[in-house]
Structures are given as structure tokens and as C-alpha cells.
Amino acid sequence: MKIDILKHNLVPKHEVMSDSEIKKNFVDLDYDIKNLPKIKLSDPVVKNIDAKVGDILKITRDSQTAGTFVTYRIVEN
């Protein structure tokens, strides 16, 4: 039996960002996206969404205090 971890209530929504989304979200920042927090290629969610090394993931969590909290990670080996 295989379980879809993306449907688990403790796993936040993970999305691979397109180049246009990356440009739109990071254009005004004086920040190199290579300095984003890392997420391993071996992470079960990364494997499940078929992300590749160098992809930027948008992770959206529901928060009791903030409503919705969005964070970004870069996939590494």
C-alpha cells in the first residue's frame, strides 16, 4: 500500500515555481536566490513532486496566527 504524503494534514502545500514566478517574486529583492534555505533532493515531498536540483519550491502553510505563511526553499543534492 502506497500513501500519498501530499494528502497528509501535517504536510504543507509544496509547488515548483516557474521562471516567471521566480522573477516576479524575487525581482525587487537585493537577495541571491542561491542563498535561500535548502531542501534535500532526497526529501520525500521533493521526490513526490518530481523537483530537480536548483528548483525553487514555494511552501504554503496554514497558520493560526498569520493565516497563511509562505516560505521558499531551493532544492540541493
PDB file of N, CA and C in Angstrom:
ATOM      1  N   MET A   1       0.832  -1.174   0.000  1.00  0.00           N
ATOM      2  CA  MET A   1       0.000   0.000   0.000  1.00  0.00           C
ATOM      3  C   MET A   1       0.881   1.242   0.000  1.00  0.00           C
ATOM      4  N   LYS A   2       0.636   2.144  -0.912  1.00  0.00           N
ATOM      5  CA  LYS A   2       1.419   3.368  -1.011  1.00  0.00           C
ATOM      6  C   LYS A   2       0.558   4.539  -0.545  1.00  0.00           C
ATOM      7  N   ILE A   3       1.138   5.377   0.308  1.00  0.00           N
ATOM      8  CA  ILE A   3       0.418   6.521   0.851  1.00  0.00           C
ATOM      9  C   ILE A   3       0.897   7.793   0.157  1.00  0.00           C
ATOM     10  N   ASP A   4      -0.047   8.648  -0.220  1.00  0.00           N
ATOM     11  CA  ASP A   4       0.291   9.930  -0.829  1.00  0.00           C
ATOM     12  C   ASP A   4       0.567  10.924   0.292  1.00  0.00           C
ATOM     13  N   ILE A   5       1.857  11.215   0.536  1.00  0.00           N
ATOM     14  CA  ILE A   5       2.208  12.092   1.650  1.00  0.00           C
ATOM     15  C   ILE A   5       1.712  13.518   1.449  1.00  0.00           C
ATOM     16  N   LEU A   6       1.442  13.905   0.217  1.00  0.00           N
ATOM     17  CA  LEU A   6       0.956  15.262  -0.037  1.00  0.00           C
ATOM     18  C   LEU A   6      -0.459  15.468   0.503  1.00  0.00           C
ATOM     19  N   LYS A   7      -1.167  14.383   0.777  1.00  0.00           N
ATOM     20  CA  LYS A   7      -2.524  14.490   1.304  1.00  0.00           C
ATOM     21  C   LYS A   7      -2.560  14.454   2.829  1.00  0.00           C
ATOM     22  N   HIS A   8      -1.400  14.264   3.457  1.00  0.00           N
ATOM     23  CA  HIS A   8      -1.350  14.226   4.913  1.00  0.00           C
ATOM     24  C   HIS A   8      -1.571  15.630   5.465  1.00  0.00           C
ATOM     25  N   ASN A   9      -2.335  15.742   6.545  1.00  0.00           N
ATOM     26  CA  ASN A   9      -2.692  17.063   7.068  1.00  0.00           C
ATOM     27  C   ASN A   9      -1.522  17.830   7.677  1.00  0.00           C
ATOM     28  N   LEU A  10      -0.409  17.185   7.955  1.00  0.00           N
ATOM     29  CA  LEU A  10       0.757  17.885   8.505  1.00  0.00           C
ATOM     30  C   LEU A  10       1.754  18.324   7.435  1.00  0.00           C
ATOM     31  N   VAL A  11       1.544  17.926   6.191  1.00  0.00           N
ATOM     32  CA  VAL A  11       2.449  18.296   5.107  1.00  0.00           C
ATOM     33  C   VAL A  11       1.887  19.521   4.388  1.00  0.00           C
ATOM     34  N   PRO A  12       2.634  20.645   4.420  1.00  0.00           N
ATOM     35  CA  PRO A  12       2.131  21.840   3.745  1.00  0.00           C
ATOM     36  C   PRO A  12       2.198  21.686   2.229  1.00  0.00           C
ATOM     37  N   LYS A  13       1.518  22.592   1.530  1.00  0.00           N
ATOM     38  CA  LYS A  13       1.499  22.572   0.071  1.00  0.00           C
ATOM     39  C   LYS A  13       2.879  22.970  -0.471  1.00  0.00           C
ATOM     40  N   HIS A  14       3.446  22.136  -1.343  1.00  0.00           N
ATOM     41  CA  HIS A  14       4.726  22.391  -1.997  1.00  0.00           C
ATOM     42  C   HIS A  14       4.478  22.544  -3.493  1.00  0.00           C
ATOM     43  N   GLU A  15       5.052  23.587  -4.090  1.00  0.00           N
ATOM     44  CA  GLU A  15       4.924  23.805  -5.531  1.00  0.00           C
ATOM     45  C   GLU A  15       6.284  24.181  -6.114  1.00  0.00           C
ATOM     46  N   VAL A  16       6.606  23.636  -7.275  1.00  0.00           N
ATOM     47  CA  VAL A  16       7.800  24.057  -8.002  1.00  0.00           C
ATOM     48  C   VAL A  16       7.451  25.354  -8.727  1.00  0.00           C
ATOM     49  N   MET A  17       8.255  26.388  -8.515  1.00  0.00           N
ATOM     50  CA  MET A  17       7.981  27.688  -9.128  1.00  0.00           C
ATOM     51  C   MET A  17       8.512  27.737 -10.559  1.00  0.00           C
ATOM     52  N   SER A  18       7.766  28.397 -11.433  1.00  0.00           N
ATOM     53  CA  SER A  18       8.219  28.597 -12.808  1.00  0.00           C
ATOM     54  C   SER A  18       9.205  29.770 -12.832  1.00  0.00           C
ATOM     55  N   ASP A  19       9.942  29.903 -13.934  1.00  0.00           N
ATOM     56  CA  ASP A  19      10.888  31.009 -14.070  1.00  0.00           C
ATOM     57  C   ASP A  19      10.197  32.359 -13.952  1.00  0.00           C
ATOM     58  N   SER A  20       9.009  32.477 -14.533  1.00  0.00           N
ATOM     59  CA  SER A  20       8.291  33.755 -14.462  1.00  0.00           C
ATOM     60  C   SER A  20       7.842  34.063 -13.028  1.00  0.00           C
ATOM     61  N   GLU A  21       7.435  33.054 -12.279  1.00  0.00           N
ATOM     62  CA  GLU A  21       7.059  33.257 -10.878  1.00  0.00           C
ATOM     63  C   GLU A  21       8.266  33.679 -10.046  1.00  0.00           C
ATOM     64  N   ILE A  22       9.406  33.071 -10.320  1.00  0.00           N
ATOM     65  CA  ILE A  22      10.632  33.410  -9.596  1.00  0.00           C
ATOM     66  C   ILE A  22      11.002  34.863  -9.866  1.00  0.00           C
ATOM     67  N   LYS A  23      10.982  35.269 -11.135  1.00  0.00           N
ATOM     68  CA  LYS A  23      11.309  36.651 -11.475  1.00  0.00           C
ATOM     69  C   LYS A  23      10.341  37.619 -10.808  1.00  0.00           C
ATOM     70  N   LYS A  24       9.057  37.304 -10.832  1.00  0.00           N
ATOM     71  CA  LYS A  24       8.034  38.175 -10.255  1.00  0.00           C
ATOM     72  C   LYS A  24       8.225  38.334  -8.749  1.00  0.00           C
ATOM     73  N   ASN A  25       8.536  37.253  -8.046  1.00  0.00           N
ATOM     74  CA  ASN A  25       8.635  37.285  -6.589  1.00  0.00           C
ATOM     75  C   ASN A  25       9.971  37.782  -6.057  1.00  0.00           C
ATOM     76  N   PHE A  26      11.031  37.657  -6.841  1.00  0.00           N
ATOM     77  CA  PHE A  26      12.356  37.995  -6.340  1.00  0.00           C
ATOM     78  C   PHE A  26      13.003  39.180  -7.056  1.00  0.00           C
ATOM     79  N   VAL A  27      12.281  39.842  -7.971  1.00  0.00           N
ATOM     80  CA  VAL A  27      12.868  40.908  -8.775  1.00  0.00           C
ATOM     81  C   VAL A  27      13.286  42.120  -7.947  1.00  0.00           C
ATOM     82  N   ASP A  28      12.505  42.503  -6.968  1.00  0.00           N
ATOM     83  CA  ASP A  28      12.783  43.706  -6.193  1.00  0.00           C
ATOM     84  C   ASP A  28      13.674  43.462  -4.978  1.00  0.00           C
ATOM     85  N   LEU A  29      14.065  42.235  -4.774  1.00  0.00           N
ATOM     86  CA  LEU A  29      14.877  41.910  -3.610  1.00  0.00           C
ATOM     87  C   LEU A  29      16.357  41.969  -3.942  1.00  0.00           C
ATOM     88  N   ASP A  30      17.124  42.524  -3.045  1.00  0.00           N
ATOM     89  CA  ASP A  30      18.579  42.510  -3.182  1.00  0.00           C
ATOM     90  C   ASP A  30      19.087  41.244  -2.498  1.00  0.00           C
ATOM     91  N   TYR A  31      18.719  40.111  -3.099  1.00  0.00           N
ATOM     92  CA  TYR A  31      18.933  38.812  -2.471  1.00  0.00           C
ATOM     93  C   TYR A  31      19.182  37.781  -3.556  1.00  0.00           C
ATOM     94  N   ASP A  32      20.252  37.031  -3.423  1.00  0.00           N
ATOM     95  CA  ASP A  32      20.563  35.977  -4.383  1.00  0.00           C
ATOM     96  C   ASP A  32      19.764  34.727  -4.008  1.00  0.00           C
ATOM     97  N   ILE A  33      18.975  34.216  -4.944  1.00  0.00           N
ATOM     98  CA  ILE A  33      18.126  33.065  -4.625  1.00  0.00           C
ATOM     99  C   ILE A  33      18.937  31.822  -4.256  1.00  0.00           C
ATOM    100  N   LYS A  34      20.215  31.808  -4.591  1.00  0.00           N
ATOM    101  CA  LYS A  34      21.059  30.677  -4.198  1.00  0.00           C
ATOM    102  C   LYS A  34      21.274  30.656  -2.675  1.00  0.00           C
ATOM    103  N   ASN A  35      20.936  31.759  -1.995  1.00  0.00           N
ATOM    104  CA  ASN A  35      21.069  31.835  -0.537  1.00  0.00           C
ATOM    105  C   ASN A  35      19.790  31.457   0.196  1.00  0.00           C
ATOM    106  N   LEU A  36      18.781  31.001  -0.538  1.00  0.00           N
ATOM    107  CA  LEU A  36      17.551  30.538   0.096  1.00  0.00           C
ATOM    108  C   LEU A  36      17.841  29.326   0.976  1.00  0.00           C
ATOM    109  N   PRO A  37      17.005  29.076   1.978  1.00  0.00           N
ATOM    110  CA  PRO A  37      17.159  27.834   2.746  1.00  0.00           C
ATOM    111  C   PRO A  37      17.058  26.629   1.804  1.00  0.00           C
ATOM    112  N   LYS A  38      17.741  25.581   2.165  1.00  0.00           N
ATOM    113  CA  LYS A  38      17.836  24.400   1.304  1.00  0.00           C
ATOM    114  C   LYS A  38      16.814  23.340   1.689  1.00  0.00           C
ATOM    115  N   ILE A  39      16.479  22.516   0.706  1.00  0.00           N
ATOM    116  CA  ILE A  39      15.704  21.301   0.932  1.00  0.00           C
ATOM    117  C   ILE A  39      16.372  20.202   0.111  1.00  0.00           C
ATOM    118  N   LYS A  40      16.550  19.071   0.713  1.00  0.00           N
ATOM    119  CA  LYS A  40      17.286  17.979   0.060  1.00  0.00           C
ATOM    120  C   LYS A  40      16.491  17.314  -1.058  1.00  0.00           C
ATOM    121  N   LEU A  41      17.207  16.897  -2.088  1.00  0.00           N
ATOM    122  CA  LEU A  41      16.621  16.158  -3.202  1.00  0.00           C
ATOM    123  C   LEU A  41      16.010  14.840  -2.707  1.00  0.00           C
ATOM    124  N   SER A  42      16.536  14.325  -1.617  1.00  0.00           N
ATOM    125  CA  SER A  42      16.047  13.059  -1.066  1.00  0.00           C
ATOM    126  C   SER A  42      14.801  13.230  -0.188  1.00  0.00           C
ATOM    127  N   ASP A  43      14.364  14.470   0.037  1.00  0.00           N
ATOM    128  CA  ASP A  43      13.158  14.709   0.836  1.00  0.00           C
ATOM    129  C   ASP A  43      11.965  14.022   0.161  1.00  0.00           C
ATOM    130  N   PRO A  44      11.139  13.309   0.916  1.00  0.00           N
ATOM    131  CA  PRO A  44      10.017  12.583   0.309  1.00  0.00           C
ATOM    132  C   PRO A  44       9.070  13.465  -0.511  1.00  0.00           C
ATOM    133  N   VAL A  45       8.804  14.688  -0.059  1.00  0.00           N
ATOM    134  CA  VAL A  45       7.917  15.574  -0.815  1.00  0.00           C
ATOM    135  C   VAL A  45       8.580  16.015  -2.115  1.00  0.00           C
ATOM    136  N   VAL A  46       9.873  16.309  -2.070  1.00  0.00           N
ATOM    137  CA  VAL A  46      10.614  16.712  -3.275  1.00  0.00           C
ATOM    138  C   VAL A  46      10.559  15.593  -4.307  1.00  0.00           C
ATOM    139  N   LYS A  47      10.751  14.368  -3.858  1.00  0.00           N
ATOM    140  CA  LYS A  47      10.653  13.225  -4.767  1.00  0.00           C
ATOM    141  C   LYS A  47       9.242  13.103  -5.342  1.00  0.00           C
ATOM    142  N   ASN A  48       8.251  13.281  -4.488  1.00  0.00           N
ATOM    143  CA  ASN A  48       6.861  13.110  -4.897  1.00  0.00           C
ATOM    144  C   ASN A  48       6.437  14.121  -5.952  1.00  0.00           C
ATOM    145  N   ILE A  49       6.919  15.368  -5.860  1.00  0.00           N
ATOM    146  CA  ILE A  49       6.531  16.393  -6.840  1.00  0.00           C
ATOM    147  C   ILE A  49       7.520  16.462  -7.991  1.00  0.00           C
ATOM    148  N   ASP A  50       8.520  15.568  -7.999  1.00  0.00           N
ATOM    149  CA  ASP A  50       9.494  15.450  -9.089  1.00  0.00           C
ATOM    150  C   ASP A  50      10.298  16.735  -9.289  1.00  0.00           C
ATOM    151  N   ALA A  51      10.694  17.373  -8.178  1.00  0.00           N
ATOM    152  CA  ALA A  51      11.534  18.567  -8.258  1.00  0.00           C
ATOM    153  C   ALA A  51      12.973  18.161  -8.570  1.00  0.00           C
ATOM    154  N   LYS A  52      13.702  19.056  -9.194  1.00  0.00           N
ATOM    155  CA  LYS A  52      15.089  18.817  -9.596  1.00  0.00           C
ATOM    156  C   LYS A  52      16.023  19.749  -8.817  1.00  0.00           C
ATOM    157  N   VAL A  53      17.304  19.410  -8.796  1.00  0.00           N
ATOM    158  CA  VAL A  53      18.303  20.266  -8.155  1.00  0.00           C
ATOM    159  C   VAL A  53      18.254  21.651  -8.805  1.00  0.00           C
ATOM    160  N   GLY A  54      18.209  22.679  -7.974  1.00  0.00           N
ATOM    161  CA  GLY A  54      18.154  24.053  -8.463  1.00  0.00           C
ATOM    162  C   GLY A  54      16.747  24.620  -8.551  1.00  0.00           C
ATOM    163  N   ASP A  55      15.723  23.760  -8.471  1.00  0.00           N
ATOM    164  CA  ASP A  55      14.335  24.248  -8.478  1.00  0.00           C
ATOM    165  C   ASP A  55      14.062  25.028  -7.198  1.00  0.00           C
ATOM    166  N   ILE A  56      13.191  26.021  -7.307  1.00  0.00           N
ATOM    167  CA  ILE A  56      12.730  26.787  -6.149  1.00  0.00           C
ATOM    168  C   ILE A  56      11.330  26.292  -5.799  1.00  0.00           C
ATOM    169  N   LEU A  57      11.143  25.932  -4.535  1.00  0.00           N
ATOM    170  CA  LEU A  57       9.848  25.462  -4.078  1.00  0.00           C
ATOM    171  C   LEU A  57       9.163  26.557  -3.271  1.00  0.00           C
ATOM    172  N   LYS A  58       7.887  26.725  -3.524  1.00  0.00           N
ATOM    173  CA  LYS A  58       7.040  27.614  -2.727  1.00  0.00           C
ATOM    174  C   LYS A  58       6.260  26.720  -1.782  1.00  0.00           C
ATOM    175  N   ILE A  59       6.423  26.950  -0.484  1.00  0.00           N
ATOM    176  CA  ILE A  59       5.779  26.123   0.525  1.00  0.00           C
ATOM    177  C   ILE A  59       4.770  26.994   1.268  1.00  0.00           C
ATOM    178  N   THR A  60       3.510  26.602   1.213  1.00  0.00           N
ATOM    179  CA  THR A  60       2.429  27.381   1.807  1.00  0.00           C
ATOM    180  C   THR A  60       1.834  26.613   2.978  1.00  0.00           C
ATOM    181  N   ARG A  61       1.891  27.241   4.148  1.00  0.00           N
ATOM    182  CA  ARG A  61       1.362  26.619   5.367  1.00  0.00           C
ATOM    183  C   ARG A  61       0.190  27.441   5.891  1.00  0.00           C
ATOM    184  N   ASP A  62      -0.776  26.761   6.471  1.00  0.00           N
ATOM    185  CA  ASP A  62      -1.832  27.445   7.209  1.00  0.00           C
ATOM    186  C   ASP A  62      -1.288  27.719   8.609  1.00  0.00           C
ATOM    187  N   SER A  63      -1.552  28.922   9.100  1.00  0.00           N
ATOM    188  CA  SER A  63      -1.053  29.327  10.405  1.00  0.00           C
ATOM    189  C   SER A  63      -2.189  29.909  11.226  1.00  0.00           C
ATOM    190  N   GLN A  64      -2.261  29.518  12.486  1.00  0.00           N
ATOM    191  CA  GLN A  64      -3.301  30.054  13.361  1.00  0.00           C
ATOM    192  C   GLN A  64      -3.090  31.535  13.628  1.00  0.00           C
ATOM    193  N   THR A  65      -1.832  31.985  13.644  1.00  0.00           N
ATOM    194  CA  THR A  65      -1.549  33.381  13.956  1.00  0.00           C
ATOM    195  C   THR A  65      -1.399  34.259  12.718  1.00  0.00           C
ATOM    196  N   ALA A  66      -0.869  33.718  11.641  1.00  0.00           N
ATOM    197  CA  ALA A  66      -0.605  34.528  10.449  1.00  0.00           C
ATOM    198  C   ALA A  66      -1.607  34.279   9.328  1.00  0.00           C
ATOM    199  N   GLY A  67      -2.481  33.326   9.478  1.00  0.00           N
ATOM    200  CA  GLY A  67      -3.413  32.981   8.407  1.00  0.00           C
ATOM    201  C   GLY A  67      -2.745  32.020   7.441  1.00  0.00           C
ATOM    202  N   THR A  68      -2.010  32.578   6.502  1.00  0.00           N
ATOM    203  CA  THR A  68      -1.235  31.775   5.558  1.00  0.00           C
ATOM    204  C   THR A  68       0.209  32.252   5.599  1.00  0.00           C
ATOM    205  N   PHE A  69       1.133  31.311   5.666  1.00  0.00           N
ATOM    206  CA  PHE A  69       2.554  31.628   5.725  1.00  0.00           C
ATOM    207  C   PHE A  69       3.237  30.973   4.530  1.00  0.00           C
ATOM    208  N   VAL A  70       3.959  31.768   3.737  1.00  0.00           N
ATOM    209  CA  VAL A  70       4.643  31.268   2.545  1.00  0.00           C
ATOM    210  C   VAL A  70       6.155  31.359   2.765  1.00  0.00           C
ATOM    211  N   THR A  71       6.840  30.284   2.440  1.00  0.00           N
ATOM    212  CA  THR A  71       8.292  30.280   2.501  1.00  0.00           C
ATOM    213  C   THR A  71       8.836  29.629   1.238  1.00  0.00           C
ATOM    214  N   TYR A  72      10.115  29.832   0.963  1.00  0.00           N
ATOM    215  CA  TYR A  72      10.736  29.339  -0.256  1.00  0.00           C
ATOM    216  C   TYR A  72      11.963  28.522   0.104  1.00  0.00           C
ATOM    217  N   ARG A  73      12.206  27.473  -0.672  1.00  0.00           N
ATOM    218  CA  ARG A  73      13.381  26.611  -0.493  1.00  0.00           C
ATOM    219  C   ARG A  73      13.960  26.311  -1.868  1.00  0.00           C
ATOM    220  N   ILE A  74      15.295  26.110  -1.896  1.00  0.00           N
ATOM    221  CA  ILE A  74      15.962  25.693  -3.126  1.00  0.00           C
ATOM    222  C   ILE A  74      16.387  24.231  -2.946  1.00  0.00           C
ATOM    223  N   VAL A  75      16.167  23.438  -3.982  1.00  0.00           N
ATOM    224  CA  VAL A  75      16.476  22.016  -3.935  1.00  0.00           C
ATOM    225  C   VAL A  75      17.969  21.812  -4.180  1.00  0.00           C
ATOM    226  N   GLU A  76      18.601  21.028  -3.296  1.00  0.00           N
ATOM    227  CA  GLU A  76      20.026  20.705  -3.436  1.00  0.00           C
ATOM    228  C   GLU A  76      20.212  19.209  -3.266  1.00  0.00           C
ATOM    229  N   ASN A  77      21.415  18.739  -3.672  1.00  0.00           N
ATOM    230  CA  ASN A  77      21.750  17.318  -3.528  1.00  0.00           C
ATOM    231  C   ASN A  77      21.862  16.900  -2.100  1.00  0.00           C
TER     232      ASN A  77
END
